[in-house]
Amino acid sequence: MILTNPMEFIVILITAGSVEEGEKIANALVESRLAACVNIIPSVKSIFFWEGKTCLESEVLLVVKSRRQLLEKIIDKVKQVHSYKVPEIIALPVIDGSREYLKWVEEITS
């Protein structure tokens, strides 16, 4: 397999309401090979404006490693298993990284 441009890789940030829900989303992404790895950061505080008021919630943060061409499938999969009406799914480009790691991400998600 030939390693593609590092810019073709993405990190996706997804919040969830609990560790259990985060694990459910992470497993769905990894088992379907849409993501090579998902880190679950167990305790973040989120302040956001929703339905006319400012909210403060405890959430978990998922850090998903994948490829840009899989983003639409990732969004669809997350929406299938996520409990939120409007889940946070934000993709950030990878500008560079360890060639060995990026090659592994590519192999797992191909």
Protein backbone atom coordinates (compact mmCIF):
# COMPACT_ATOMS: atom_id res chain seq x y z
CA MET A 1 0.00 0.00 0.00
CA ILE A 2 1.31 3.44 -0.94
CA LEU A 3 0.99 6.11 1.73
CA THR A 4 -1.14 8.98 0.54
CA ASN A 5 -0.66 12.64 1.35
CA PRO A 6 -0.87 13.32 5.12
CA MET A 7 -3.51 15.98 4.34
CA GLU A 8 -5.86 13.15 3.37
CA PHE A 9 -6.03 12.08 7.02
CA ILE A 10 -8.39 13.62 9.55
CA VAL A 11 -9.03 13.75 13.27
CA ILE A 12 -12.71 13.92 14.16
CA LEU A 13 -13.99 15.29 17.46
CA ILE A 14 -17.28 13.86 18.72
CA THR A 15 -18.90 14.48 22.09
CA ALA A 16 -21.23 12.01 23.81
CA GLY A 17 -23.27 12.02 26.99
CA SER A 18 -21.55 9.12 28.75
CA VAL A 19 -18.58 6.78 28.59
CA GLU A 20 -20.95 3.94 27.63
CA GLU A 21 -22.32 5.91 24.69
CA GLY A 22 -18.79 6.93 23.70
CA GLU A 23 -17.72 3.28 23.70
CA LYS A 24 -20.76 2.35 21.60
CA ILE A 25 -19.89 5.00 19.00
CA ALA A 26 -16.18 4.12 19.06
CA ASN A 27 -16.88 0.41 18.61
CA ALA A 28 -19.25 1.11 15.71
CA LEU A 29 -16.59 3.17 13.92
CA VAL A 30 -13.66 0.81 14.54
CA GLU A 31 -15.59 -2.41 13.84
CA SER A 32 -16.81 -1.01 10.52
CA ARG A 33 -13.21 0.07 9.74
CA LEU A 34 -14.25 3.69 9.33
CA ALA A 35 -11.72 4.61 12.02
CA ALA A 36 -8.37 3.11 12.91
CA CYS A 37 -8.48 4.30 16.51
CA VAL A 38 -10.78 6.24 18.82
CA ASN A 39 -9.57 7.77 22.09
CA ILE A 40 -12.21 8.40 24.73
CA ILE A 41 -11.50 11.30 27.07
CA PRO A 42 -13.86 10.57 29.95
CA SER A 43 -14.65 13.92 31.51
CA VAL A 44 -15.09 17.21 29.72
CA LYS A 45 -17.39 20.09 30.61
CA SER A 46 -19.28 21.59 27.69
CA ILE A 47 -20.95 24.98 27.76
CA PHE A 48 -23.22 25.60 24.78
CA PHE A 49 -26.36 27.41 23.71
CA TRP A 50 -29.29 25.07 22.99
CA GLU A 51 -33.03 25.64 22.63
CA GLY A 52 -32.91 29.20 23.92
CA LYS A 53 -30.65 28.73 26.92
CA THR A 54 -27.04 28.32 27.96
CA CYS A 55 -26.32 24.76 29.08
CA LEU A 56 -23.49 23.23 31.13
CA GLU A 57 -23.10 19.47 30.67
CA SER A 58 -20.60 16.75 31.52
CA GLU A 59 -19.65 14.82 28.39
CA VAL A 60 -16.98 12.53 27.00
CA LEU A 61 -14.84 13.51 24.03
CA LEU A 62 -14.01 11.06 21.27
CA VAL A 63 -10.88 11.66 19.20
CA VAL A 64 -11.23 9.64 15.99
CA LYS A 65 -8.40 8.96 13.54
CA SER A 66 -9.44 8.26 9.95
CA ARG A 67 -9.27 9.41 6.33
CA ARG A 68 -11.03 12.38 4.76
CA GLN A 69 -12.77 10.26 2.10
CA LEU A 70 -14.61 8.34 4.86
CA LEU A 71 -16.07 11.40 6.59
CA GLU A 72 -19.59 11.18 5.16
CA LYS A 73 -19.82 7.50 6.13
CA ILE A 74 -18.53 8.35 9.60
CA ILE A 75 -21.15 11.07 10.01
CA ASP A 76 -23.89 8.66 8.90
CA LYS A 77 -22.69 5.93 11.28
CA VAL A 78 -22.44 8.30 14.24
CA LYS A 79 -25.96 9.62 13.61
CA GLN A 80 -27.26 6.03 13.58
CA VAL A 81 -25.94 5.24 17.07
CA HIS A 82 -25.77 8.65 18.81
CA SER A 83 -28.49 9.74 21.24
CA TYR A 84 -28.14 13.47 20.51
CA LYS A 85 -30.52 15.18 18.10
CA VAL A 86 -27.57 17.21 16.71
CA PRO A 87 -24.31 15.44 17.62
CA GLU A 88 -21.03 17.31 17.44
CA ILE A 89 -18.99 15.81 14.60
CA ILE A 90 -16.10 18.07 13.60
CA ALA A 91 -13.27 16.98 11.29
CA LEU A 92 -9.83 18.56 11.42
CA PRO A 93 -7.11 17.99 8.81
CA VAL A 94 -3.86 16.28 9.73
CA ILE A 95 -1.08 18.43 8.34
CA ASP A 96 1.68 15.91 9.04
CA GLY A 97 2.60 13.04 11.32
CA SER A 98 4.51 9.85 11.81
CA ARG A 99 4.62 8.07 8.44
CA GLU A 100 4.36 4.69 10.18
CA TYR A 101 1.26 5.74 12.10
CA LEU A 102 -0.45 7.28 9.07
CA LYS A 103 0.35 4.16 7.03
CA TRP A 104 -1.31 2.08 9.77
CA VAL A 105 -4.41 4.33 9.74
CA GLU A 106 -4.57 3.95 5.96
CA GLU A 107 -4.21 0.15 6.12
CA ILE A 108 -6.87 -0.27 8.80
CA THR A 109 -9.41 1.97 7.07
CA SER A 110 -8.88 0.66 3.53
